[in-house]
């Protein structure tokens, strides 16, 4: 699986979840206009490692790539903490129950405080996928 295929799988899980919650998402490298006074999400993906994982019996090399991905939920401050926790917990459930070809590990919540009238709650997870050459 290529990095682009892994990105599409990871962001596909995020998109499906956010579409179900009617949340606008800020995607990397895409124009975005922040909504006024409504919750929205921001997705991120960063590769960290890549290594040869094995040599298969037929002489092919198996490669392993890993990194960290996140979704940050921006919720208006008036009810941002409760809404942020609710969105984050539901996102965690979506990741934990996903049958994607990318492994999601160490799924966790991180509170980021407030910024510009929004409370920020982030879901982070490690991802891993393999490719054969």
C-alpha atoms as a PDB file:
ATOM      1  CA  UNK A   1       0.000   0.000   0.000  1.00  0.00           C
ATOM      2  CA  UNK A   2       1.348   3.436  -0.892  1.00  0.00           C
ATOM      3  CA  UNK A   3       1.370   6.506   1.363  1.00  0.00           C
ATOM      4  CA  UNK A   4      -1.461   8.017  -0.708  1.00  0.00           C
ATOM      5  CA  UNK A   5      -3.557   4.863  -0.327  1.00  0.00           C
ATOM      6  CA  UNK A   6      -2.936   4.877   3.441  1.00  0.00           C
ATOM      7  CA  UNK A   7      -3.892   8.558   3.623  1.00  0.00           C
ATOM      8  CA  UNK A   8      -7.096   7.871   1.721  1.00  0.00           C
ATOM      9  CA  UNK A   9      -8.004   5.041   4.105  1.00  0.00           C
ATOM     10  CA  UNK A  10      -7.221   7.057   7.245  1.00  0.00           C
ATOM     11  CA  UNK A  11      -9.012  10.164   6.053  1.00  0.00           C
ATOM     12  CA  UNK A  12     -11.862   7.998   4.742  1.00  0.00           C
ATOM     13  CA  UNK A  13     -12.611   6.847   8.297  1.00  0.00           C
ATOM     14  CA  UNK A  14     -12.481  10.470   9.488  1.00  0.00           C
ATOM     15  CA  UNK A  15     -14.699  11.666   6.620  1.00  0.00           C
ATOM     16  CA  UNK A  16     -17.319   8.991   7.212  1.00  0.00           C
ATOM     17  CA  UNK A  17     -17.454   9.889  10.894  1.00  0.00           C
ATOM     18  CA  UNK A  18     -17.578  13.671  10.340  1.00  0.00           C
ATOM     19  CA  UNK A  19     -20.174  13.375   7.554  1.00  0.00           C
ATOM     20  CA  UNK A  20     -22.375  11.441   9.979  1.00  0.00           C
ATOM     21  CA  UNK A  21     -22.070  14.294  12.489  1.00  0.00           C
ATOM     22  CA  UNK A  22     -22.505  17.016   9.811  1.00  0.00           C
ATOM     23  CA  UNK A  23     -19.089  18.448  10.685  1.00  0.00           C
ATOM     24  CA  UNK A  24     -17.079  20.474   8.208  1.00  0.00           C
ATOM     25  CA  UNK A  25     -13.479  19.232   8.039  1.00  0.00           C
ATOM     26  CA  UNK A  26     -10.317  21.187   7.316  1.00  0.00           C
ATOM     27  CA  UNK A  27      -8.172  18.806   5.238  1.00  0.00           C
ATOM     28  CA  UNK A  28      -4.423  19.252   4.658  1.00  0.00           C
ATOM     29  CA  UNK A  29      -3.531  21.131   1.486  1.00  0.00           C
ATOM     30  CA  UNK A  30      -7.153  22.108   0.770  1.00  0.00           C
ATOM     31  CA  UNK A  31      -8.753  25.565   0.894  1.00  0.00           C
ATOM     32  CA  UNK A  32     -10.941  25.992   3.976  1.00  0.00           C
ATOM     33  CA  UNK A  33     -13.283  28.631   5.273  1.00  0.00           C
ATOM     34  CA  UNK A  34     -13.903  28.349   8.997  1.00  0.00           C
ATOM     35  CA  UNK A  35     -17.621  28.113   9.848  1.00  0.00           C
ATOM     36  CA  UNK A  36     -19.131  30.797  12.071  1.00  0.00           C
ATOM     37  CA  UNK A  37     -19.986  29.673  15.612  1.00  0.00           C
ATOM     38  CA  UNK A  38     -20.423  25.971  14.798  1.00  0.00           C
ATOM     39  CA  UNK A  39     -18.219  22.998  15.556  1.00  0.00           C
ATOM     40  CA  UNK A  40     -15.766  21.807  12.919  1.00  0.00           C
ATOM     41  CA  UNK A  41     -12.809  19.422  12.672  1.00  0.00           C
ATOM     42  CA  UNK A  42      -9.246  19.553  11.403  1.00  0.00           C
ATOM     43  CA  UNK A  43      -7.525  16.371  10.159  1.00  0.00           C
ATOM     44  CA  UNK A  44      -3.794  15.677  10.151  1.00  0.00           C
ATOM     45  CA  UNK A  45      -1.440  12.837   9.242  1.00  0.00           C
ATOM     46  CA  UNK A  46       2.335  12.657   9.730  1.00  0.00           C
ATOM     47  CA  UNK A  47       4.605   9.756   8.826  1.00  0.00           C
ATOM     48  CA  UNK A  48       7.328   9.021  11.373  1.00  0.00           C
ATOM     49  CA  UNK A  49       9.085   5.794  10.419  1.00  0.00           C
ATOM     50  CA  UNK A  50       9.594   3.424   7.539  1.00  0.00           C
ATOM     51  CA  UNK A  51      11.608   0.230   7.602  1.00  0.00           C
ATOM     52  CA  UNK A  52      12.002  -3.129   5.990  1.00  0.00           C
ATOM     53  CA  UNK A  53       9.873  -5.493   8.066  1.00  0.00           C
ATOM     54  CA  UNK A  54      10.637  -8.864   6.474  1.00  0.00           C
ATOM     55  CA  UNK A  55      11.745 -10.818   3.454  1.00  0.00           C
ATOM     56  CA  UNK A  56       8.950 -13.081   2.216  1.00  0.00           C
ATOM     57  CA  UNK A  57       9.580 -16.690   1.154  1.00  0.00           C
ATOM     58  CA  UNK A  58       9.410 -15.720  -2.534  1.00  0.00           C
ATOM     59  CA  UNK A  59      12.095 -13.055  -2.103  1.00  0.00           C
ATOM     60  CA  UNK A  60       9.839 -10.020  -1.912  1.00  0.00           C
ATOM     61  CA  UNK A  61      10.560  -7.338   0.654  1.00  0.00           C
ATOM     62  CA  UNK A  62       7.892  -6.320   3.139  1.00  0.00           C
ATOM     63  CA  UNK A  63       8.002  -2.660   4.185  1.00  0.00           C
ATOM     64  CA  UNK A  64       6.368  -1.123   7.227  1.00  0.00           C
ATOM     65  CA  UNK A  65       5.428   2.562   7.538  1.00  0.00           C
ATOM     66  CA  UNK A  66       4.083   4.250  10.645  1.00  0.00           C
ATOM     67  CA  UNK A  67       3.141   7.662  11.961  1.00  0.00           C
ATOM     68  CA  UNK A  68       0.597   9.676  13.893  1.00  0.00           C
ATOM     69  CA  UNK A  69      -2.731  11.005  12.732  1.00  0.00           C
ATOM     70  CA  UNK A  70      -5.189  13.268  14.496  1.00  0.00           C
ATOM     71  CA  UNK A  71      -8.511  15.010  14.346  1.00  0.00           C
ATOM     72  CA  UNK A  72      -8.954  18.195  16.330  1.00  0.00           C
ATOM     73  CA  UNK A  73     -12.517  19.199  17.143  1.00  0.00           C
ATOM     74  CA  UNK A  74     -13.168  22.936  17.407  1.00  0.00           C
ATOM     75  CA  UNK A  75     -16.318  23.467  19.495  1.00  0.00           C
ATOM     76  CA  UNK A  76     -17.733  26.880  20.498  1.00  0.00           C
ATOM     77  CA  UNK A  77     -16.696  27.628  24.082  1.00  0.00           C
ATOM     78  CA  UNK A  78     -20.203  27.814  25.599  1.00  0.00           C
ATOM     79  CA  UNK A  79     -20.515  24.012  25.437  1.00  0.00           C
ATOM     80  CA  UNK A  80     -17.168  23.180  23.860  1.00  0.00           C
ATOM     81  CA  UNK A  81     -15.759  20.895  26.527  1.00  0.00           C
ATOM     82  CA  UNK A  82     -18.783  18.592  26.665  1.00  0.00           C
ATOM     83  CA  UNK A  83     -19.244  18.600  22.879  1.00  0.00           C
ATOM     84  CA  UNK A  84     -15.515  18.066  22.338  1.00  0.00           C
ATOM     85  CA  UNK A  85     -15.428  15.040  24.642  1.00  0.00           C
ATOM     86  CA  UNK A  86     -18.541  13.599  23.002  1.00  0.00           C
ATOM     87  CA  UNK A  87     -17.171  14.025  19.469  1.00  0.00           C
ATOM     88  CA  UNK A  88     -13.768  12.675  20.530  1.00  0.00           C
ATOM     89  CA  UNK A  89     -15.199   9.595  22.226  1.00  0.00           C
ATOM     90  CA  UNK A  90     -17.380   8.814  19.211  1.00  0.00           C
ATOM     91  CA  UNK A  91     -14.361   9.251  16.899  1.00  0.00           C
ATOM     92  CA  UNK A  92     -12.403   6.845  19.092  1.00  0.00           C
ATOM     93  CA  UNK A  93     -15.185   4.284  18.752  1.00  0.00           C
ATOM     94  CA  UNK A  94     -15.152   4.712  14.954  1.00  0.00           C
ATOM     95  CA  UNK A  95     -11.392   4.085  14.856  1.00  0.00           C
ATOM     96  CA  UNK A  96     -11.518   1.119  17.224  1.00  0.00           C
ATOM     97  CA  UNK A  97     -14.241  -0.615  15.221  1.00  0.00           C
ATOM     98  CA  UNK A  98     -12.746   0.140  11.802  1.00  0.00           C
ATOM     99  CA  UNK A  99     -11.764  -2.807   9.633  1.00  0.00           C
ATOM    100  CA  UNK A 100      -9.451  -0.664   7.517  1.00  0.00           C
ATOM    101  CA  UNK A 101      -6.269  -2.038   5.939  1.00  0.00           C
ATOM    102  CA  UNK A 102      -4.336   0.448   8.091  1.00  0.00           C
ATOM    103  CA  UNK A 103      -3.831  -0.425  11.762  1.00  0.00           C
ATOM    104  CA  UNK A 104      -4.914   2.169  14.316  1.00  0.00           C
ATOM    105  CA  UNK A 105      -3.178   1.919  17.691  1.00  0.00           C
ATOM    106  CA  UNK A 106      -2.899   3.915  20.914  1.00  0.00           C
ATOM    107  CA  UNK A 107      -6.049   5.926  20.224  1.00  0.00           C
ATOM    108  CA  UNK A 108      -6.284   8.728  22.793  1.00  0.00           C
ATOM    109  CA  UNK A 109      -7.822  12.095  23.690  1.00  0.00           C
ATOM    110  CA  UNK A 110      -5.800  15.252  24.280  1.00  0.00           C
ATOM    111  CA  UNK A 111      -7.284  18.471  25.605  1.00  0.00           C
ATOM    112  CA  UNK A 112      -5.725  21.504  23.905  1.00  0.00           C
ATOM    113  CA  UNK A 113      -7.530  24.323  25.744  1.00  0.00           C
ATOM    114  CA  UNK A 114      -9.221  27.207  23.987  1.00  0.00           C
ATOM    115  CA  UNK A 115      -8.414  29.317  20.944  1.00  0.00           C
ATOM    116  CA  UNK A 116     -10.405  32.098  19.288  1.00  0.00           C
ATOM    117  CA  UNK A 117     -13.760  31.298  20.875  1.00  0.00           C
ATOM    118  CA  UNK A 118     -13.414  27.526  20.468  1.00  0.00           C
ATOM    119  CA  UNK A 119     -12.506  24.736  22.848  1.00  0.00           C
ATOM    120  CA  UNK A 120     -10.128  22.262  21.171  1.00  0.00           C
ATOM    121  CA  UNK A 121     -10.272  18.520  21.825  1.00  0.00           C
ATOM    122  CA  UNK A 122      -7.983  16.259  19.836  1.00  0.00           C
ATOM    123  CA  UNK A 123      -8.051  12.552  19.056  1.00  0.00           C
ATOM    124  CA  UNK A 124      -4.612  11.150  18.248  1.00  0.00           C
ATOM    125  CA  UNK A 125      -3.701   7.686  17.058  1.00  0.00           C
ATOM    126  CA  UNK A 126      -0.675   5.856  15.778  1.00  0.00           C
ATOM    127  CA  UNK A 127      -1.094   4.230  12.383  1.00  0.00           C
ATOM    128  CA  UNK A 128       0.813   1.463  10.662  1.00  0.00           C
ATOM    129  CA  UNK A 129       0.583  -0.171   7.265  1.00  0.00           C
ATOM    130  CA  UNK A 130       2.640  -2.497   5.135  1.00  0.00           C
ATOM    131  CA  UNK A 131       3.700  -2.613   1.522  1.00  0.00           C
ATOM    132  CA  UNK A 132       5.250  -5.419  -0.482  1.00  0.00           C
ATOM    133  CA  UNK A 133       7.835  -4.924  -3.188  1.00  0.00           C
END
